[in-house]
Amino acid sequence: MGLGRTDKDPRRPVYVISVAAGIVSVHPRTLRIYEDEGLLCPARTPTNIRLYSDEDIRRIQRMRRRSFSLYRRMFVGVRAGQSRPSSS
């Protein structure tokens, strides 16, 4: 009933924010921030509850991997005694 099922539409919004946050291991506030920044646009119920699809979940997972990769490139070298990359 979660990710990986092939018998349903991955764009169909089904997960409330607490469940979506649990799946991707973030705080629900993080998903609200992503929405505020225009990175996500979850569906809404008539009572304004956010609903996330499997496609949204995959997008969040990709964003988290990319941000972690960027973090590693920027700061791991600093911890190892190397200088930070310049922003020229």
C-alpha atoms as a PDB file:
ATOM      1  CA  MET A   1       0.000   0.000   0.000  1.00  0.00           C
ATOM      2  CA  GLY A   2       3.008   2.289   0.024  1.00  0.00           C
ATOM      3  CA  LEU A   3       5.819   3.029  -2.350  1.00  0.00           C
ATOM      4  CA  GLY A   4       6.504   0.389  -4.933  1.00  0.00           C
ATOM      5  CA  ARG A   5       2.942  -0.608  -5.804  1.00  0.00           C
ATOM      6  CA  THR A   6       2.401  -0.692  -9.518  1.00  0.00           C
ATOM      7  CA  ASP A   7      -1.404  -0.988  -9.471  1.00  0.00           C
ATOM      8  CA  LYS A   8      -2.109   2.626  -8.531  1.00  0.00           C
ATOM      9  CA  ASP A   9      -1.426   6.088  -9.862  1.00  0.00           C
ATOM     10  CA  PRO A  10       1.767   7.489  -8.220  1.00  0.00           C
ATOM     11  CA  ARG A  11       0.353  11.012  -8.635  1.00  0.00           C
ATOM     12  CA  ARG A  12      -2.724  10.268  -6.530  1.00  0.00           C
ATOM     13  CA  PRO A  13      -2.470  12.178  -3.232  1.00  0.00           C
ATOM     14  CA  VAL A  14      -2.935   9.780  -0.325  1.00  0.00           C
ATOM     15  CA  TYR A  15      -0.576  10.626   2.567  1.00  0.00           C
ATOM     16  CA  VAL A  16      -1.348  13.273   5.195  1.00  0.00           C
ATOM     17  CA  ILE A  17       1.620  15.408   6.240  1.00  0.00           C
ATOM     18  CA  SER A  18       2.518  13.387   9.352  1.00  0.00           C
ATOM     19  CA  VAL A  19       2.654  10.144   7.364  1.00  0.00           C
ATOM     20  CA  ALA A  20       4.614  11.723   4.490  1.00  0.00           C
ATOM     21  CA  ALA A  21       7.084  13.232   6.974  1.00  0.00           C
ATOM     22  CA  GLY A  22       7.525   9.847   8.627  1.00  0.00           C
ATOM     23  CA  ILE A  23       8.196   8.127   5.309  1.00  0.00           C
ATOM     24  CA  VAL A  24      10.992  10.574   4.417  1.00  0.00           C
ATOM     25  CA  SER A  25      12.247  10.961   8.026  1.00  0.00           C
ATOM     26  CA  VAL A  26      11.712  14.708   8.421  1.00  0.00           C
ATOM     27  CA  HIS A  27       9.616  16.860  10.722  1.00  0.00           C
ATOM     28  CA  PRO A  28       6.261  17.919   9.245  1.00  0.00           C
ATOM     29  CA  ARG A  29       7.436  21.533   9.564  1.00  0.00           C
ATOM     30  CA  THR A  30      10.172  20.742   7.024  1.00  0.00           C
ATOM     31  CA  LEU A  31       7.523  19.805   4.463  1.00  0.00           C
ATOM     32  CA  ARG A  32       5.665  23.050   5.191  1.00  0.00           C
ATOM     33  CA  ILE A  33       8.896  24.986   4.629  1.00  0.00           C
ATOM     34  CA  TYR A  34       9.466  23.171   1.316  1.00  0.00           C
ATOM     35  CA  GLU A  35       5.952  24.208   0.318  1.00  0.00           C
ATOM     36  CA  ASP A  36       6.507  27.825   1.442  1.00  0.00           C
ATOM     37  CA  GLU A  37       9.680  27.911  -0.673  1.00  0.00           C
ATOM     38  CA  GLY A  38       7.815  26.585  -3.728  1.00  0.00           C
ATOM     39  CA  LEU A  39       9.659  23.255  -3.784  1.00  0.00           C
ATOM     40  CA  LEU A  40       6.463  21.231  -3.259  1.00  0.00           C
ATOM     41  CA  CYS A  41       2.805  21.778  -3.978  1.00  0.00           C
ATOM     42  CA  PRO A  42       0.815  19.087  -2.171  1.00  0.00           C
ATOM     43  CA  ALA A  43      -2.833  18.539  -3.007  1.00  0.00           C
ATOM     44  CA  ARG A  44      -5.396  19.866  -0.550  1.00  0.00           C
ATOM     45  CA  THR A  45      -8.664  18.419   0.670  1.00  0.00           C
ATOM     46  CA  PRO A  46     -11.777  20.617   0.801  1.00  0.00           C
ATOM     47  CA  THR A  47     -10.899  21.207   4.473  1.00  0.00           C
ATOM     48  CA  ASN A  48      -7.360  22.332   3.486  1.00  0.00           C
ATOM     49  CA  ILE A  49      -5.477  19.244   4.698  1.00  0.00           C
ATOM     50  CA  ARG A  50      -2.271  18.594   2.727  1.00  0.00           C
ATOM     51  CA  LEU A  51      -2.080  15.285   0.869  1.00  0.00           C
ATOM     52  CA  TYR A  52       1.124  13.922  -0.643  1.00  0.00           C
ATOM     53  CA  SER A  53       1.419  11.375  -3.446  1.00  0.00           C
ATOM     54  CA  ASP A  54       4.068   8.705  -4.014  1.00  0.00           C
ATOM     55  CA  GLU A  55       5.487  11.055  -6.652  1.00  0.00           C
ATOM     56  CA  ASP A  56       5.757  13.838  -4.018  1.00  0.00           C
ATOM     57  CA  ILE A  57       7.517  11.408  -1.670  1.00  0.00           C
ATOM     58  CA  ARG A  58      10.071  10.504  -4.341  1.00  0.00           C
ATOM     59  CA  ARG A  59      10.653  14.199  -5.071  1.00  0.00           C
ATOM     60  CA  ILE A  60      11.293  14.917  -1.379  1.00  0.00           C
ATOM     61  CA  GLN A  61      13.707  11.990  -1.187  1.00  0.00           C
ATOM     62  CA  ARG A  62      15.614  13.310  -4.228  1.00  0.00           C
ATOM     63  CA  MET A  63      15.789  16.809  -2.714  1.00  0.00           C
ATOM     64  CA  ARG A  64      17.109  15.416   0.566  1.00  0.00           C
ATOM     65  CA  ARG A  65      19.779  13.333  -1.191  1.00  0.00           C
ATOM     66  CA  ARG A  66      20.908  16.332  -3.246  1.00  0.00           C
ATOM     67  CA  SER A  67      21.033  18.660  -0.250  1.00  0.00           C
ATOM     68  CA  PHE A  68      23.024  16.094   1.753  1.00  0.00           C
ATOM     69  CA  SER A  69      25.420  15.658  -1.160  1.00  0.00           C
ATOM     70  CA  LEU A  70      25.888  19.434  -1.370  1.00  0.00           C
ATOM     71  CA  TYR A  71      26.442  19.617   2.395  1.00  0.00           C
ATOM     72  CA  ARG A  72      29.134  16.940   2.180  1.00  0.00           C
ATOM     73  CA  ARG A  73      30.923  18.683  -0.666  1.00  0.00           C
ATOM     74  CA  MET A  74      30.858  22.035   1.109  1.00  0.00           C
ATOM     75  CA  PHE A  75      31.727  21.073   4.659  1.00  0.00           C
ATOM     76  CA  VAL A  76      33.460  17.707   4.854  1.00  0.00           C
ATOM     77  CA  GLY A  77      36.633  19.213   3.412  1.00  0.00           C
ATOM     78  CA  VAL A  78      36.532  21.982   6.039  1.00  0.00           C
ATOM     79  CA  ARG A  79      36.435  19.413   8.834  1.00  0.00           C
ATOM     80  CA  ALA A  80      39.393  17.608   7.294  1.00  0.00           C
ATOM     81  CA  GLY A  81      41.464  20.805   7.398  1.00  0.00           C
ATOM     82  CA  GLN A  82      40.968  21.858   3.808  1.00  0.00           C
ATOM     83  CA  SER A  83      39.813  25.326   2.880  1.00  0.00           C
ATOM     84  CA  ARG A  84      36.186  25.948   1.946  1.00  0.00           C
ATOM     85  CA  PRO A  85      35.418  26.284  -1.744  1.00  0.00           C
ATOM     86  CA  SER A  86      35.314  29.921  -2.814  1.00  0.00           C
ATOM     87  CA  SER A  87      32.116  31.434  -4.164  1.00  0.00           C
ATOM     88  CA  SER A  88      33.815  33.509  -6.869  1.00  0.00           C
END
